[in-house]
């Protein structure tokens, strides 16, 4: 689990996708809290720094969504469809191998 979080290739299970979204939500709430505290203190450099720290987390979420799309046999571009992430949370993976790799359940 979480072997290549920055990679856009391969497939991941539903469990890993759920955990990724859960961790992202916790870190996002923490980020918003830190952002508001720093903004209240009028420290513009810290606001920019905190924003830049959040970019890798955002990329990991996108990469995991692409890999989850691959797991159900769809292209990563399907993530541009509104609310497609909710579909990814509940849909089951393709049985066996597909063009994106082997089944991660094995």
C-alpha atoms as a PDB file:
ATOM      1  CA  UNK A   1       0.000   0.000   0.000  1.00  0.00           C
ATOM      2  CA  UNK A   2       1.249   3.492  -0.889  1.00  0.00           C
ATOM      3  CA  UNK A   3       4.225   2.104  -2.803  1.00  0.00           C
ATOM      4  CA  UNK A   4       4.334   4.770  -5.534  1.00  0.00           C
ATOM      5  CA  UNK A   5       2.087   7.656  -4.486  1.00  0.00           C
ATOM      6  CA  UNK A   6       3.517  10.049  -7.100  1.00  0.00           C
ATOM      7  CA  UNK A   7       3.194   7.641 -10.030  1.00  0.00           C
ATOM      8  CA  UNK A   8       0.334   7.884 -12.504  1.00  0.00           C
ATOM      9  CA  UNK A   9       0.787   4.285 -13.665  1.00  0.00           C
ATOM     10  CA  UNK A  10      -0.710   1.144 -12.259  1.00  0.00           C
ATOM     11  CA  UNK A  11      -3.746   0.292 -10.179  1.00  0.00           C
ATOM     12  CA  UNK A  12      -4.714   0.668  -6.532  1.00  0.00           C
ATOM     13  CA  UNK A  13      -7.410  -0.922  -4.414  1.00  0.00           C
ATOM     14  CA  UNK A  14     -10.443   0.823  -3.039  1.00  0.00           C
ATOM     15  CA  UNK A  15      -8.983   0.671   0.488  1.00  0.00           C
ATOM     16  CA  UNK A  16      -5.908   2.648  -0.502  1.00  0.00           C
ATOM     17  CA  UNK A  17      -8.082   5.200  -2.269  1.00  0.00           C
ATOM     18  CA  UNK A  18     -10.278   5.578   0.824  1.00  0.00           C
ATOM     19  CA  UNK A  19      -7.216   6.025   3.049  1.00  0.00           C
ATOM     20  CA  UNK A  20      -5.735   8.575   0.666  1.00  0.00           C
ATOM     21  CA  UNK A  21      -8.913  10.643   0.740  1.00  0.00           C
ATOM     22  CA  UNK A  22      -9.201  10.353   4.522  1.00  0.00           C
ATOM     23  CA  UNK A  23      -5.608  11.467   5.099  1.00  0.00           C
ATOM     24  CA  UNK A  24      -6.055  14.270   2.566  1.00  0.00           C
ATOM     25  CA  UNK A  25      -9.187  15.500   4.376  1.00  0.00           C
ATOM     26  CA  UNK A  26      -7.398  15.577   7.730  1.00  0.00           C
ATOM     27  CA  UNK A  27      -4.405  17.396   6.265  1.00  0.00           C
ATOM     28  CA  UNK A  28      -6.681  19.813   4.427  1.00  0.00           C
ATOM     29  CA  UNK A  29      -8.466  20.798   7.641  1.00  0.00           C
ATOM     30  CA  UNK A  30      -5.071  21.269   9.284  1.00  0.00           C
ATOM     31  CA  UNK A  31      -3.924  23.335   6.315  1.00  0.00           C
ATOM     32  CA  UNK A  32      -6.982  25.598   6.490  1.00  0.00           C
ATOM     33  CA  UNK A  33      -6.422  26.120  10.204  1.00  0.00           C
ATOM     34  CA  UNK A  34      -2.737  26.976   9.681  1.00  0.00           C
ATOM     35  CA  UNK A  35      -3.604  29.251   6.772  1.00  0.00           C
ATOM     36  CA  UNK A  36      -6.125  31.209   8.825  1.00  0.00           C
ATOM     37  CA  UNK A  37      -3.710  31.586  11.747  1.00  0.00           C
ATOM     38  CA  UNK A  38      -0.917  32.812   9.501  1.00  0.00           C
ATOM     39  CA  UNK A  39      -3.235  35.105   7.545  1.00  0.00           C
ATOM     40  CA  UNK A  40      -4.498  36.602  10.794  1.00  0.00           C
ATOM     41  CA  UNK A  41      -0.899  37.459  11.725  1.00  0.00           C
ATOM     42  CA  UNK A  42      -0.360  39.191   8.336  1.00  0.00           C
ATOM     43  CA  UNK A  43       2.636  37.075   7.365  1.00  0.00           C
ATOM     44  CA  UNK A  44       2.477  36.931   3.558  1.00  0.00           C
ATOM     45  CA  UNK A  45       5.611  34.801   3.174  1.00  0.00           C
ATOM     46  CA  UNK A  46       4.205  32.125   5.473  1.00  0.00           C
ATOM     47  CA  UNK A  47       0.913  32.084   3.561  1.00  0.00           C
ATOM     48  CA  UNK A  48       2.774  31.422   0.309  1.00  0.00           C
ATOM     49  CA  UNK A  49       5.020  28.831   1.974  1.00  0.00           C
ATOM     50  CA  UNK A  50       2.067  26.930   3.432  1.00  0.00           C
ATOM     51  CA  UNK A  51       0.355  27.009   0.040  1.00  0.00           C
ATOM     52  CA  UNK A  52       3.427  25.551  -1.645  1.00  0.00           C
ATOM     53  CA  UNK A  53       3.624  22.794   0.957  1.00  0.00           C
ATOM     54  CA  UNK A  54       0.125  21.719   0.024  1.00  0.00           C
ATOM     55  CA  UNK A  55       0.899  21.188  -3.687  1.00  0.00           C
ATOM     56  CA  UNK A  56       2.533  17.739  -3.283  1.00  0.00           C
ATOM     57  CA  UNK A  57      -0.472  16.529  -1.297  1.00  0.00           C
ATOM     58  CA  UNK A  58      -2.778  17.704  -4.040  1.00  0.00           C
ATOM     59  CA  UNK A  59      -0.679  15.889  -6.655  1.00  0.00           C
ATOM     60  CA  UNK A  60      -0.755  12.663  -4.629  1.00  0.00           C
ATOM     61  CA  UNK A  61      -4.550  12.849  -4.476  1.00  0.00           C
ATOM     62  CA  UNK A  62      -4.725  13.279  -8.258  1.00  0.00           C
ATOM     63  CA  UNK A  63      -2.264  10.432  -8.861  1.00  0.00           C
ATOM     64  CA  UNK A  64      -4.195   8.091  -6.586  1.00  0.00           C
ATOM     65  CA  UNK A  65      -7.445   9.012  -8.360  1.00  0.00           C
ATOM     66  CA  UNK A  66      -5.878   8.206 -11.723  1.00  0.00           C
ATOM     67  CA  UNK A  67      -4.663   4.836 -10.461  1.00  0.00           C
ATOM     68  CA  UNK A  68      -8.082   4.064  -9.000  1.00  0.00           C
ATOM     69  CA  UNK A  69      -9.625   4.900 -12.388  1.00  0.00           C
ATOM     70  CA  UNK A  70      -7.201   2.452 -13.943  1.00  0.00           C
ATOM     71  CA  UNK A  71      -8.335  -0.187 -11.456  1.00  0.00           C
ATOM     72  CA  UNK A  72     -11.887  -0.070 -12.770  1.00  0.00           C
ATOM     73  CA  UNK A  73     -10.692  -0.007 -16.383  1.00  0.00           C
ATOM     74  CA  UNK A  74     -11.090   3.691 -17.165  1.00  0.00           C
ATOM     75  CA  UNK A  75      -8.645   6.335 -18.266  1.00  0.00           C
ATOM     76  CA  UNK A  76      -7.371   8.864 -15.762  1.00  0.00           C
ATOM     77  CA  UNK A  77      -9.100  11.580 -17.770  1.00  0.00           C
ATOM     78  CA  UNK A  78     -12.408  10.348 -16.362  1.00  0.00           C
ATOM     79  CA  UNK A  79     -11.469  12.223 -13.182  1.00  0.00           C
ATOM     80  CA  UNK A  80     -12.485  15.434 -14.924  1.00  0.00           C
ATOM     81  CA  UNK A  81     -16.117  14.308 -14.702  1.00  0.00           C
ATOM     82  CA  UNK A  82     -17.825  16.007 -11.739  1.00  0.00           C
ATOM     83  CA  UNK A  83     -18.382  13.702  -8.750  1.00  0.00           C
ATOM     84  CA  UNK A  84     -16.417  10.894 -10.404  1.00  0.00           C
ATOM     85  CA  UNK A  85     -14.357  10.619  -7.222  1.00  0.00           C
ATOM     86  CA  UNK A  86     -17.451   9.482  -5.350  1.00  0.00           C
ATOM     87  CA  UNK A  87     -17.974   6.778  -7.945  1.00  0.00           C
ATOM     88  CA  UNK A  88     -14.378   5.653  -7.412  1.00  0.00           C
ATOM     89  CA  UNK A  89     -14.940   5.331  -3.672  1.00  0.00           C
ATOM     90  CA  UNK A  90     -17.661   2.725  -4.103  1.00  0.00           C
ATOM     91  CA  UNK A  91     -17.030   0.906  -7.390  1.00  0.00           C
ATOM     92  CA  UNK A  92     -15.409  -2.509  -7.447  1.00  0.00           C
ATOM     93  CA  UNK A  93     -12.274  -3.206  -9.451  1.00  0.00           C
ATOM     94  CA  UNK A  94     -12.042  -5.202 -12.663  1.00  0.00           C
ATOM     95  CA  UNK A  95     -11.403  -8.873 -12.137  1.00  0.00           C
ATOM     96  CA  UNK A  96      -7.989  -9.988 -13.314  1.00  0.00           C
ATOM     97  CA  UNK A  97      -5.570  -7.949 -15.356  1.00  0.00           C
ATOM     98  CA  UNK A  98      -6.500  -5.022 -17.561  1.00  0.00           C
ATOM     99  CA  UNK A  99      -4.510  -2.749 -19.862  1.00  0.00           C
ATOM    100  CA  UNK A 100      -3.291  -0.710 -16.870  1.00  0.00           C
ATOM    101  CA  UNK A 101      -1.725  -3.589 -14.965  1.00  0.00           C
ATOM    102  CA  UNK A 102      -2.393  -6.575 -12.792  1.00  0.00           C
ATOM    103  CA  UNK A 103      -5.142  -6.747 -10.204  1.00  0.00           C
ATOM    104  CA  UNK A 104      -3.887  -5.218  -6.926  1.00  0.00           C
ATOM    105  CA  UNK A 105      -6.054  -7.603  -4.890  1.00  0.00           C
ATOM    106  CA  UNK A 106      -3.702 -10.463  -5.712  1.00  0.00           C
END
